[in-house]
């Protein structure tokens, strides 16, 4: 088996590339904005440049790749996306091209050129009013990011429905808020809490203590993706993977602080429903989008956090490594 990974310079893309590489699977990392070798995974090759917004370049790249028996891939893991709701709202045209149009193109190429596709989607396709959500529940995204990711899903489902003789599956994998090893803390909303904890300048922070998220480690997601590509049975069009431990932002921060020893006196929890107060950004976020993992269980895929050990265990290990490197 051979795989390619879009968004390979991102947090999830790096973890996916690394996991397949560690399983001795030839892996082709693809990226656009960052094509230097990863400082976190120096054993991995530098990503091959590919602009997913350039339809002609993408088509030529995969056509050439699949025409070479030595290089052709069996699966494409599509991690590339505009993942930040605020940024999507600020530049909706670019977000639509990346999250929707490029996804349709890749799904069409997968069907045309005979490779499987795992499209990474989000829990934000749901409104957060009736969790937990199964893959069959009706989406109702509250913001542009969620709507565009849902549009990407619909593109994959549309192509899958037409490609009845497709030998390799086209799969939508929904995941929640992610965290993991980063090159800078701003790479994930969870890792960003480290910067807040380290800011002891006297600045006060207000932290949401209302919405419940299910932060999931990218290393666990990478393992699940690998397991999906190895199945010899029919995979449903949509599956979910998520940690089952719900935490507010404030609770996540407290757990990280418990392992780093940082003071949290400058962080004030806010348990008020965001819907009851002004929203300067205009981006509406759902309250609880817990994803059911029953479909994965039915497939025989392990749904436990086998790599990270869970949120608390991962951050304990992370803090230990950081303290060890600074001593």
C-alpha atoms as a PDB file:
ATOM      1  CA  UNK A   1       0.000   0.000   0.000  1.00  0.00           C
ATOM      2  CA  UNK A   2       1.054   3.588  -0.714  1.00  0.00           C
ATOM      3  CA  UNK A   3      -0.645   6.755   0.545  1.00  0.00           C
ATOM      4  CA  UNK A   4      -0.485  10.510   0.033  1.00  0.00           C
ATOM      5  CA  UNK A   5      -1.450  13.128   2.611  1.00  0.00           C
ATOM      6  CA  UNK A   6      -2.665  16.663   1.880  1.00  0.00           C
ATOM      7  CA  UNK A   7      -2.027  19.316   4.499  1.00  0.00           C
ATOM      8  CA  UNK A   8       1.011  17.282   5.526  1.00  0.00           C
ATOM      9  CA  UNK A   9       2.713  20.267   7.164  1.00  0.00           C
ATOM     10  CA  UNK A  10      -0.217  20.760   9.557  1.00  0.00           C
ATOM     11  CA  UNK A  11      -0.715  19.218  12.982  1.00  0.00           C
ATOM     12  CA  UNK A  12      -2.912  16.339  11.825  1.00  0.00           C
ATOM     13  CA  UNK A  13      -1.160  15.877   8.487  1.00  0.00           C
ATOM     14  CA  UNK A  14       2.219  15.481  10.159  1.00  0.00           C
ATOM     15  CA  UNK A  15       0.843  12.931  12.624  1.00  0.00           C
ATOM     16  CA  UNK A  16      -0.823  10.953   9.823  1.00  0.00           C
ATOM     17  CA  UNK A  17       2.329  10.974   7.704  1.00  0.00           C
ATOM     18  CA  UNK A  18       4.412   9.902  10.680  1.00  0.00           C
ATOM     19  CA  UNK A  19       2.054   7.081  11.655  1.00  0.00           C
ATOM     20  CA  UNK A  20       1.972   5.545   8.174  1.00  0.00           C
ATOM     21  CA  UNK A  21       5.737   6.004   7.874  1.00  0.00           C
ATOM     22  CA  UNK A  22       6.236   4.169  11.172  1.00  0.00           C
ATOM     23  CA  UNK A  23       4.113   1.321   9.814  1.00  0.00           C
ATOM     24  CA  UNK A  24       6.551   1.067   6.863  1.00  0.00           C
ATOM     25  CA  UNK A  25       3.910   2.358   4.441  1.00  0.00           C
ATOM     26  CA  UNK A  26       5.384   4.494   1.624  1.00  0.00           C
ATOM     27  CA  UNK A  27       3.867   7.922   2.237  1.00  0.00           C
ATOM     28  CA  UNK A  28       3.884  11.034   0.059  1.00  0.00           C
ATOM     29  CA  UNK A  29       3.349  14.228   2.101  1.00  0.00           C
ATOM     30  CA  UNK A  30       1.806  17.152   0.179  1.00  0.00           C
ATOM     31  CA  UNK A  31       1.682  20.781   1.265  1.00  0.00           C
ATOM     32  CA  UNK A  32       1.535  24.306  -0.091  1.00  0.00           C
ATOM     33  CA  UNK A  33       2.416  26.926   2.514  1.00  0.00           C
ATOM     34  CA  UNK A  34       5.094  24.972   4.385  1.00  0.00           C
ATOM     35  CA  UNK A  35       7.344  22.603   2.463  1.00  0.00           C
ATOM     36  CA  UNK A  36      10.412  22.453   4.714  1.00  0.00           C
ATOM     37  CA  UNK A  37      11.173  19.267   6.662  1.00  0.00           C
ATOM     38  CA  UNK A  38       9.333  19.104   9.993  1.00  0.00           C
ATOM     39  CA  UNK A  39      11.418  19.894  13.061  1.00  0.00           C
ATOM     40  CA  UNK A  40       9.160  17.530  15.021  1.00  0.00           C
ATOM     41  CA  UNK A  41       9.613  14.575  12.677  1.00  0.00           C
ATOM     42  CA  UNK A  42      13.072  14.943  11.100  1.00  0.00           C
ATOM     43  CA  UNK A  43      12.872  11.355   9.825  1.00  0.00           C
ATOM     44  CA  UNK A  44      10.078  12.302   7.409  1.00  0.00           C
ATOM     45  CA  UNK A  45      10.671  13.619   3.886  1.00  0.00           C
ATOM     46  CA  UNK A  46       9.909  17.264   3.174  1.00  0.00           C
ATOM     47  CA  UNK A  47       6.400  17.734   1.741  1.00  0.00           C
ATOM     48  CA  UNK A  48       6.015  17.907  -2.023  1.00  0.00           C
ATOM     49  CA  UNK A  49       4.585  21.323  -3.006  1.00  0.00           C
ATOM     50  CA  UNK A  50       1.020  21.244  -4.354  1.00  0.00           C
ATOM     51  CA  UNK A  51      -1.476  24.105  -4.501  1.00  0.00           C
ATOM     52  CA  UNK A  52      -4.916  22.561  -4.047  1.00  0.00           C
ATOM     53  CA  UNK A  53      -6.519  25.761  -5.341  1.00  0.00           C
ATOM     54  CA  UNK A  54      -4.876  25.223  -8.758  1.00  0.00           C
ATOM     55  CA  UNK A  55      -7.216  22.719 -10.389  1.00  0.00           C
ATOM     56  CA  UNK A  56      -5.031  22.117 -13.429  1.00  0.00           C
ATOM     57  CA  UNK A  57      -1.928  21.502 -11.317  1.00  0.00           C
ATOM     58  CA  UNK A  58      -3.803  19.109  -9.029  1.00  0.00           C
ATOM     59  CA  UNK A  59      -5.263  17.166 -11.938  1.00  0.00           C
ATOM     60  CA  UNK A  60      -1.893  16.902 -13.662  1.00  0.00           C
ATOM     61  CA  UNK A  61      -0.160  15.853 -10.453  1.00  0.00           C
ATOM     62  CA  UNK A  62      -2.468  12.954  -9.624  1.00  0.00           C
ATOM     63  CA  UNK A  63      -2.821  11.830 -13.246  1.00  0.00           C
ATOM     64  CA  UNK A  64       0.961  11.621 -13.515  1.00  0.00           C
ATOM     65  CA  UNK A  65       1.241   9.927 -10.125  1.00  0.00           C
ATOM     66  CA  UNK A  66      -1.305   7.230 -10.940  1.00  0.00           C
ATOM     67  CA  UNK A  67       0.216   6.543 -14.359  1.00  0.00           C
ATOM     68  CA  UNK A  68       3.471   5.410 -12.724  1.00  0.00           C
ATOM     69  CA  UNK A  69       3.191   1.875 -11.275  1.00  0.00           C
ATOM     70  CA  UNK A  70       6.078   2.617  -8.902  1.00  0.00           C
ATOM     71  CA  UNK A  71       4.483   5.764  -7.476  1.00  0.00           C
ATOM     72  CA  UNK A  72       0.715   5.286  -7.695  1.00  0.00           C
ATOM     73  CA  UNK A  73      -1.146   5.548  -4.413  1.00  0.00           C
ATOM     74  CA  UNK A  74      -3.894   3.427  -2.891  1.00  0.00           C
ATOM     75  CA  UNK A  75      -5.252   6.127  -0.573  1.00  0.00           C
ATOM     76  CA  UNK A  76      -5.259   9.894  -0.248  1.00  0.00           C
ATOM     77  CA  UNK A  77      -5.765  11.274   3.257  1.00  0.00           C
ATOM     78  CA  UNK A  78      -7.228  14.755   2.752  1.00  0.00           C
ATOM     79  CA  UNK A  79      -6.285  16.774   5.841  1.00  0.00           C
ATOM     80  CA  UNK A  80      -5.829  20.169   4.177  1.00  0.00           C
ATOM     81  CA  UNK A  81      -8.507  22.693   5.133  1.00  0.00           C
ATOM     82  CA  UNK A  82      -9.188  26.152   6.428  1.00  0.00           C
ATOM     83  CA  UNK A  83      -9.880  24.951   9.968  1.00  0.00           C
ATOM     84  CA  UNK A  84     -10.279  28.327  11.699  1.00  0.00           C
ATOM     85  CA  UNK A  85     -13.909  29.558  11.788  1.00  0.00           C
ATOM     86  CA  UNK A  86     -12.879  33.208  12.205  1.00  0.00           C
ATOM     87  CA  UNK A  87     -10.541  33.059   9.201  1.00  0.00           C
ATOM     88  CA  UNK A  88     -13.194  31.349   7.086  1.00  0.00           C
ATOM     89  CA  UNK A  89     -15.615  34.180   7.858  1.00  0.00           C
ATOM     90  CA  UNK A  90     -12.966  36.779   6.987  1.00  0.00           C
ATOM     91  CA  UNK A  91     -12.102  35.202   3.607  1.00  0.00           C
ATOM     92  CA  UNK A  92     -15.083  33.073   2.583  1.00  0.00           C
ATOM     93  CA  UNK A  93     -14.072  32.773  -1.076  1.00  0.00           C
ATOM     94  CA  UNK A  94     -10.714  31.182  -0.326  1.00  0.00           C
ATOM     95  CA  UNK A  95     -12.217  29.003   2.410  1.00  0.00           C
ATOM     96  CA  UNK A  96     -14.854  27.740  -0.037  1.00  0.00           C
ATOM     97  CA  UNK A  97     -12.218  26.870  -2.629  1.00  0.00           C
ATOM     98  CA  UNK A  98     -10.142  24.933  -0.120  1.00  0.00           C
ATOM     99  CA  UNK A  99     -12.843  23.267   1.973  1.00  0.00           C
ATOM    100  CA  UNK A 100     -15.390  22.545  -0.755  1.00  0.00           C
ATOM    101  CA  UNK A 101     -14.095  22.880  -4.328  1.00  0.00           C
ATOM    102  CA  UNK A 102     -10.747  21.163  -3.796  1.00  0.00           C
ATOM    103  CA  UNK A 103     -12.469  18.338  -1.933  1.00  0.00           C
ATOM    104  CA  UNK A 104     -14.837  17.695  -4.835  1.00  0.00           C
ATOM    105  CA  UNK A 105     -11.922  17.688  -7.261  1.00  0.00           C
ATOM    106  CA  UNK A 106      -9.956  15.200  -5.168  1.00  0.00           C
ATOM    107  CA  UNK A 107     -12.996  12.936  -4.798  1.00  0.00           C
ATOM    108  CA  UNK A 108     -13.542  12.993  -8.569  1.00  0.00           C
ATOM    109  CA  UNK A 109      -9.887  12.196  -9.188  1.00  0.00           C
ATOM    110  CA  UNK A 110     -10.037   9.355  -6.668  1.00  0.00           C
ATOM    111  CA  UNK A 111     -12.949   7.790  -8.552  1.00  0.00           C
ATOM    112  CA  UNK A 112     -11.378   8.449 -11.946  1.00  0.00           C
ATOM    113  CA  UNK A 113      -7.837   7.313 -11.125  1.00  0.00           C
ATOM    114  CA  UNK A 114      -8.653   4.454  -8.735  1.00  0.00           C
ATOM    115  CA  UNK A 115      -7.480   5.478  -5.292  1.00  0.00           C
ATOM    116  CA  UNK A 116      -9.336   5.646  -2.004  1.00  0.00           C
ATOM    117  CA  UNK A 117     -10.036   8.898  -0.174  1.00  0.00           C
ATOM    118  CA  UNK A 118     -10.369   9.700   3.520  1.00  0.00           C
ATOM    119  CA  UNK A 119     -11.752  13.220   3.849  1.00  0.00           C
ATOM    120  CA  UNK A 120     -11.272  14.771   7.284  1.00  0.00           C
ATOM    121  CA  UNK A 121     -14.389  16.646   8.360  1.00  0.00           C
ATOM    122  CA  UNK A 122     -15.592  18.146  11.615  1.00  0.00           C
ATOM    123  CA  UNK A 123     -18.077  17.929  14.468  1.00  0.00           C
ATOM    124  CA  UNK A 124     -19.029  21.506  13.568  1.00  0.00           C
ATOM    125  CA  UNK A 125     -21.432  20.180  10.917  1.00  0.00           C
ATOM    126  CA  UNK A 126     -23.842  19.779  13.873  1.00  0.00           C
ATOM    127  CA  UNK A 127     -25.621  22.479  15.876  1.00  0.00           C
ATOM    128  CA  UNK A 128     -24.768  21.030  19.293  1.00  0.00           C
ATOM    129  CA  UNK A 129     -28.351  20.794  20.543  1.00  0.00           C
ATOM    130  CA  UNK A 130     -28.892  17.007  20.699  1.00  0.00           C
ATOM    131  CA  UNK A 131     -25.641  15.156  21.346  1.00  0.00           C
ATOM    132  CA  UNK A 132     -24.253  12.583  20.964  1.00  0.00           C
ATOM    133  CA  UNK A 133     -24.433  12.566  17.179  1.00  0.00           C
ATOM    134  CA  UNK A 134     -24.312   9.464  15.008  1.00  0.00           C
ATOM    135  CA  UNK A 135     -23.213   9.584  11.383  1.00  0.00           C
ATOM    136  CA  UNK A 136     -26.839   9.343  10.304  1.00  0.00           C
ATOM    137  CA  UNK A 137     -28.012  12.422  12.202  1.00  0.00           C
ATOM    138  CA  UNK A 138     -28.950  15.440  10.122  1.00  0.00           C
ATOM    139  CA  UNK A 139     -26.233  18.108   9.965  1.00  0.00           C
ATOM    140  CA  UNK A 140     -27.130  21.678  10.830  1.00  0.00           C
ATOM    141  CA  UNK A 141     -23.940  23.770  10.861  1.00  0.00           C
ATOM    142  CA  UNK A 142     -24.145  27.112  12.643  1.00  0.00           C
ATOM    143  CA  UNK A 143     -21.212  28.898  11.003  1.00  0.00           C
ATOM    144  CA  UNK A 144     -19.552  29.223   7.611  1.00  0.00           C
ATOM    145  CA  UNK A 145     -16.729  26.848   8.505  1.00  0.00           C
ATOM    146  CA  UNK A 146     -19.219  24.109   9.361  1.00  0.00           C
ATOM    147  CA  UNK A 147     -21.272  24.792   6.228  1.00  0.00           C
ATOM    148  CA  UNK A 148     -18.218  24.588   3.981  1.00  0.00           C
ATOM    149  CA  UNK A 149     -17.003  21.368   5.586  1.00  0.00           C
ATOM    150  CA  UNK A 150     -20.499  19.955   5.135  1.00  0.00           C
ATOM    151  CA  UNK A 151     -20.362  21.012   1.482  1.00  0.00           C
ATOM    152  CA  UNK A 152     -17.091  19.090   1.200  1.00  0.00           C
ATOM    153  CA  UNK A 153     -18.806  16.054   2.702  1.00  0.00           C
ATOM    154  CA  UNK A 154     -21.655  16.346   0.218  1.00  0.00           C
ATOM    155  CA  UNK A 155     -19.150  16.458  -2.634  1.00  0.00           C
ATOM    156  CA  UNK A 156     -17.521  13.231  -1.451  1.00  0.00           C
ATOM    157  CA  UNK A 157     -20.903  11.558  -0.928  1.00  0.00           C
ATOM    158  CA  UNK A 158     -22.074  12.680  -4.372  1.00  0.00           C
ATOM    159  CA  UNK A 159     -19.035  11.210  -6.103  1.00  0.00           C
ATOM    160  CA  UNK A 160     -19.235   8.040  -4.022  1.00  0.00           C
ATOM    161  CA  UNK A 161     -22.881   7.611  -4.988  1.00  0.00           C
ATOM    162  CA  UNK A 162     -22.071   7.861  -8.691  1.00  0.00           C
ATOM    163  CA  UNK A 163     -18.931   5.692  -8.628  1.00  0.00           C
ATOM    164  CA  UNK A 164     -20.729   2.424  -7.940  1.00  0.00           C
ATOM    165  CA  UNK A 165     -17.869   0.350  -9.360  1.00  0.00           C
ATOM    166  CA  UNK A 166     -15.237   2.178  -7.302  1.00  0.00           C
ATOM    167  CA  UNK A 167     -12.962  -0.501  -5.850  1.00  0.00           C
ATOM    168  CA  UNK A 168     -11.457   1.705  -3.151  1.00  0.00           C
ATOM    169  CA  UNK A 169     -13.725   3.574  -0.712  1.00  0.00           C
ATOM    170  CA  UNK A 170     -14.400   7.284  -0.444  1.00  0.00           C
ATOM    171  CA  UNK A 171     -14.839   7.983   3.272  1.00  0.00           C
ATOM    172  CA  UNK A 172     -15.802  11.013   5.363  1.00  0.00           C
ATOM    173  CA  UNK A 173     -14.183  10.922   8.807  1.00  0.00           C
ATOM    174  CA  UNK A 174     -15.559  13.482  11.252  1.00  0.00           C
ATOM    175  CA  UNK A 175     -13.319  14.464  14.142  1.00  0.00           C
ATOM    176  CA  UNK A 176     -13.617  17.090  16.906  1.00  0.00           C
ATOM    177  CA  UNK A 177     -11.201  19.650  18.335  1.00  0.00           C
ATOM    178  CA  UNK A 178      -7.627  18.392  17.906  1.00  0.00           C
ATOM    179  CA  UNK A 179      -4.365  18.787  19.792  1.00  0.00           C
ATOM    180  CA  UNK A 180      -0.898  17.252  19.646  1.00  0.00           C
ATOM    181  CA  UNK A 181       2.756  17.984  18.993  1.00  0.00           C
ATOM    182  CA  UNK A 182       3.071  21.426  17.411  1.00  0.00           C
ATOM    183  CA  UNK A 183       5.768  23.590  15.872  1.00  0.00           C
ATOM    184  CA  UNK A 184       4.179  26.618  17.547  1.00  0.00           C
ATOM    185  CA  UNK A 185       1.330  26.730  20.052  1.00  0.00           C
ATOM    186  CA  UNK A 186      -1.027  28.608  17.730  1.00  0.00           C
ATOM    187  CA  UNK A 187      -1.293  25.531  15.517  1.00  0.00           C
ATOM    188  CA  UNK A 188      -4.242  24.313  17.608  1.00  0.00           C
ATOM    189  CA  UNK A 189      -6.758  26.054  19.843  1.00  0.00           C
ATOM    190  CA  UNK A 190      -5.830  23.647  22.652  1.00  0.00           C
ATOM    191  CA  UNK A 191      -2.064  24.082  22.471  1.00  0.00           C
ATOM    192  CA  UNK A 192      -2.640  27.838  22.483  1.00  0.00           C
ATOM    193  CA  UNK A 193      -3.576  27.519  26.163  1.00  0.00           C
ATOM    194  CA  UNK A 194       0.132  27.012  26.870  1.00  0.00           C
ATOM    195  CA  UNK A 195       0.817  30.573  25.709  1.00  0.00           C
ATOM    196  CA  UNK A 196      -1.988  31.888  27.913  1.00  0.00           C
ATOM    197  CA  UNK A 197      -0.619  30.033  30.933  1.00  0.00           C
ATOM    198  CA  UNK A 198       2.898  31.312  30.276  1.00  0.00           C
ATOM    199  CA  UNK A 199       1.690  34.918  29.984  1.00  0.00           C
ATOM    200  CA  UNK A 200       2.227  36.145  33.531  1.00  0.00           C
ATOM    201  CA  UNK A 201       2.410  39.798  32.443  1.00  0.00           C
ATOM    202  CA  UNK A 202      -0.648  40.772  34.452  1.00  0.00           C
ATOM    203  CA  UNK A 203      -3.051  40.495  31.523  1.00  0.00           C
ATOM    204  CA  UNK A 204      -6.416  38.952  32.418  1.00  0.00           C
ATOM    205  CA  UNK A 205      -8.078  36.312  30.250  1.00  0.00           C
ATOM    206  CA  UNK A 206     -11.722  35.239  30.183  1.00  0.00           C
ATOM    207  CA  UNK A 207     -12.131  31.566  29.297  1.00  0.00           C
ATOM    208  CA  UNK A 208     -15.299  29.842  28.117  1.00  0.00           C
ATOM    209  CA  UNK A 209     -16.681  27.435  30.709  1.00  0.00           C
ATOM    210  CA  UNK A 210     -19.997  26.731  28.961  1.00  0.00           C
ATOM    211  CA  UNK A 211     -19.469  24.906  25.653  1.00  0.00           C
ATOM    212  CA  UNK A 212     -18.287  21.306  25.946  1.00  0.00           C
ATOM    213  CA  UNK A 213     -15.653  20.056  23.519  1.00  0.00           C
ATOM    214  CA  UNK A 214     -14.067  16.642  23.143  1.00  0.00           C
ATOM    215  CA  UNK A 215     -10.377  17.345  22.483  1.00  0.00           C
ATOM    216  CA  UNK A 216      -8.775  14.447  20.653  1.00  0.00           C
ATOM    217  CA  UNK A 217      -5.097  13.786  20.019  1.00  0.00           C
ATOM    218  CA  UNK A 218      -3.952  13.787  16.388  1.00  0.00           C
ATOM    219  CA  UNK A 219      -1.866  10.679  17.071  1.00  0.00           C
ATOM    220  CA  UNK A 220      -5.033   8.741  17.907  1.00  0.00           C
ATOM    221  CA  UNK A 221      -6.783  10.095  14.812  1.00  0.00           C
ATOM    222  CA  UNK A 222      -3.807   9.026  12.685  1.00  0.00           C
ATOM    223  CA  UNK A 223      -4.007   5.495  14.092  1.00  0.00           C
ATOM    224  CA  UNK A 224      -7.732   5.297  13.332  1.00  0.00           C
ATOM    225  CA  UNK A 225      -7.159   6.506   9.761  1.00  0.00           C
ATOM    226  CA  UNK A 226      -4.513   3.832   9.297  1.00  0.00           C
ATOM    227  CA  UNK A 227      -6.904   1.188  10.642  1.00  0.00           C
ATOM    228  CA  UNK A 228      -9.644   2.345   8.254  1.00  0.00           C
ATOM    229  CA  UNK A 229      -7.372   2.006   5.231  1.00  0.00           C
ATOM    230  CA  UNK A 230      -6.493  -1.553   6.260  1.00  0.00           C
ATOM    231  CA  UNK A 231     -10.065  -2.844   6.543  1.00  0.00           C
ATOM    232  CA  UNK A 232     -11.093  -5.572   4.123  1.00  0.00           C
ATOM    233  CA  UNK A 233     -14.808  -4.894   4.587  1.00  0.00           C
ATOM    234  CA  UNK A 234     -17.178  -2.249   3.281  1.00  0.00           C
ATOM    235  CA  UNK A 235     -16.798   1.032   5.171  1.00  0.00           C
ATOM    236  CA  UNK A 236     -19.810   3.359   5.601  1.00  0.00           C
ATOM    237  CA  UNK A 237     -19.664   6.680   3.790  1.00  0.00           C
ATOM    238  CA  UNK A 238     -19.392   8.609   7.080  1.00  0.00           C
ATOM    239  CA  UNK A 239     -17.730   7.542  10.322  1.00  0.00           C
ATOM    240  CA  UNK A 240     -16.867   9.407  13.522  1.00  0.00           C
ATOM    241  CA  UNK A 241     -13.862   9.333  15.812  1.00  0.00           C
ATOM    242  CA  UNK A 242     -13.572  11.293  19.042  1.00  0.00           C
ATOM    243  CA  UNK A 243     -12.413  11.209  22.613  1.00  0.00           C
ATOM    244  CA  UNK A 244     -15.367  10.582  24.891  1.00  0.00           C
ATOM    245  CA  UNK A 245     -14.218  12.959  27.637  1.00  0.00           C
ATOM    246  CA  UNK A 246     -16.059  16.278  27.467  1.00  0.00           C
ATOM    247  CA  UNK A 247     -14.237  19.394  28.688  1.00  0.00           C
ATOM    248  CA  UNK A 248     -14.878  23.119  28.540  1.00  0.00           C
ATOM    249  CA  UNK A 249     -12.035  25.369  27.440  1.00  0.00           C
ATOM    250  CA  UNK A 250     -11.466  26.361  31.052  1.00  0.00           C
ATOM    251  CA  UNK A 251     -11.292  22.723  32.159  1.00  0.00           C
ATOM    252  CA  UNK A 252      -8.774  21.963  29.415  1.00  0.00           C
ATOM    253  CA  UNK A 253      -6.616  24.859  30.574  1.00  0.00           C
ATOM    254  CA  UNK A 254      -6.766  23.702  34.209  1.00  0.00           C
ATOM    255  CA  UNK A 255      -5.596  20.210  33.259  1.00  0.00           C
ATOM    256  CA  UNK A 256      -2.641  21.596  31.315  1.00  0.00           C
ATOM    257  CA  UNK A 257      -1.786  23.922  34.209  1.00  0.00           C
ATOM    258  CA  UNK A 258      -1.909  21.029  36.676  1.00  0.00           C
ATOM    259  CA  UNK A 259       1.001  19.435  34.828  1.00  0.00           C
ATOM    260  CA  UNK A 260       3.036  22.541  33.987  1.00  0.00           C
ATOM    261  CA  UNK A 261       2.653  24.131  37.414  1.00  0.00           C
ATOM    262  CA  UNK A 262       1.582  27.435  35.858  1.00  0.00           C
ATOM    263  CA  UNK A 263      -0.644  29.831  37.778  1.00  0.00           C
ATOM    264  CA  UNK A 264      -4.229  30.225  36.546  1.00  0.00           C
ATOM    265  CA  UNK A 265      -5.068  33.243  38.702  1.00  0.00           C
ATOM    266  CA  UNK A 266      -5.104  35.477  35.611  1.00  0.00           C
ATOM    267  CA  UNK A 267      -7.731  33.317  33.858  1.00  0.00           C
ATOM    268  CA  UNK A 268     -11.396  33.865  34.730  1.00  0.00           C
ATOM    269  CA  UNK A 269     -13.990  31.186  33.825  1.00  0.00           C
ATOM    270  CA  UNK A 270     -17.121  32.341  32.004  1.00  0.00           C
ATOM    271  CA  UNK A 271     -20.023  29.894  32.369  1.00  0.00           C
ATOM    272  CA  UNK A 272     -22.592  32.154  30.694  1.00  0.00           C
ATOM    273  CA  UNK A 273     -24.311  30.902  27.542  1.00  0.00           C
ATOM    274  CA  UNK A 274     -22.623  32.779  24.641  1.00  0.00           C
ATOM    275  CA  UNK A 275     -26.031  33.146  22.982  1.00  0.00           C
ATOM    276  CA  UNK A 276     -27.095  35.497  25.784  1.00  0.00           C
ATOM    277  CA  UNK A 277     -24.350  38.078  25.253  1.00  0.00           C
ATOM    278  CA  UNK A 278     -22.794  40.158  22.444  1.00  0.00           C
ATOM    279  CA  UNK A 279     -20.675  38.287  19.902  1.00  0.00           C
ATOM    280  CA  UNK A 280     -18.155  40.699  18.315  1.00  0.00           C
ATOM    281  CA  UNK A 281     -16.717  38.069  15.949  1.00  0.00           C
ATOM    282  CA  UNK A 282     -20.138  37.056  14.648  1.00  0.00           C
ATOM    283  CA  UNK A 283     -19.033  33.407  14.555  1.00  0.00           C
ATOM    284  CA  UNK A 284     -21.584  31.163  16.273  1.00  0.00           C
ATOM    285  CA  UNK A 285     -20.178  28.004  17.835  1.00  0.00           C
ATOM    286  CA  UNK A 286     -22.254  24.972  18.891  1.00  0.00           C
ATOM    287  CA  UNK A 287     -22.523  24.066  22.568  1.00  0.00           C
ATOM    288  CA  UNK A 288     -21.923  20.299  22.540  1.00  0.00           C
ATOM    289  CA  UNK A 289     -21.175  18.324  19.382  1.00  0.00           C
ATOM    290  CA  UNK A 290     -20.154  15.007  20.924  1.00  0.00           C
ATOM    291  CA  UNK A 291     -19.656  12.398  18.204  1.00  0.00           C
ATOM    292  CA  UNK A 292     -20.832   8.816  18.628  1.00  0.00           C
ATOM    293  CA  UNK A 293     -18.160   6.273  17.676  1.00  0.00           C
ATOM    294  CA  UNK A 294     -20.503   3.285  17.352  1.00  0.00           C
ATOM    295  CA  UNK A 295     -19.935   2.975  13.585  1.00  0.00           C
ATOM    296  CA  UNK A 296     -16.203   2.497  14.146  1.00  0.00           C
ATOM    297  CA  UNK A 297     -16.897  -0.052  16.874  1.00  0.00           C
ATOM    298  CA  UNK A 298     -19.120  -1.982  14.481  1.00  0.00           C
ATOM    299  CA  UNK A 299     -16.253  -2.068  11.975  1.00  0.00           C
ATOM    300  CA  UNK A 300     -13.945  -3.559  14.583  1.00  0.00           C
ATOM    301  CA  UNK A 301     -11.786  -0.434  14.852  1.00  0.00           C
ATOM    302  CA  UNK A 302     -10.445   0.281  18.346  1.00  0.00           C
ATOM    303  CA  UNK A 303     -12.067   3.524  19.533  1.00  0.00           C
ATOM    304  CA  UNK A 304      -9.925   3.956  22.642  1.00  0.00           C
ATOM    305  CA  UNK A 305      -7.197   6.601  22.829  1.00  0.00           C
ATOM    306  CA  UNK A 306      -4.525   3.960  22.453  1.00  0.00           C
ATOM    307  CA  UNK A 307      -1.647   6.247  21.470  1.00  0.00           C
ATOM    308  CA  UNK A 308      -2.179   9.316  23.663  1.00  0.00           C
ATOM    309  CA  UNK A 309      -3.737   7.647  26.687  1.00  0.00           C
ATOM    310  CA  UNK A 310      -6.244  10.517  26.810  1.00  0.00           C
ATOM    311  CA  UNK A 311      -6.074  14.268  27.384  1.00  0.00           C
ATOM    312  CA  UNK A 312      -4.735  14.217  30.940  1.00  0.00           C
ATOM    313  CA  UNK A 313      -2.107  11.543  30.236  1.00  0.00           C
ATOM    314  CA  UNK A 314      -0.855  13.219  27.057  1.00  0.00           C
ATOM    315  CA  UNK A 315      -0.384  16.608  28.712  1.00  0.00           C
ATOM    316  CA  UNK A 316       1.319  15.012  31.698  1.00  0.00           C
ATOM    317  CA  UNK A 317       3.794  13.381  29.333  1.00  0.00           C
ATOM    318  CA  UNK A 318       4.188  16.624  27.345  1.00  0.00           C
ATOM    319  CA  UNK A 319       4.943  18.633  30.482  1.00  0.00           C
ATOM    320  CA  UNK A 320       7.450  16.029  31.628  1.00  0.00           C
ATOM    321  CA  UNK A 321       9.316  16.193  28.326  1.00  0.00           C
ATOM    322  CA  UNK A 322       9.342  19.988  28.405  1.00  0.00           C
ATOM    323  CA  UNK A 323      10.651  20.099  31.956  1.00  0.00           C
ATOM    324  CA  UNK A 324      13.278  17.504  31.093  1.00  0.00           C
ATOM    325  CA  UNK A 325      14.513  19.457  28.067  1.00  0.00           C
ATOM    326  CA  UNK A 326      14.808  22.690  30.056  1.00  0.00           C
ATOM    327  CA  UNK A 327      16.685  21.206  33.002  1.00  0.00           C
END
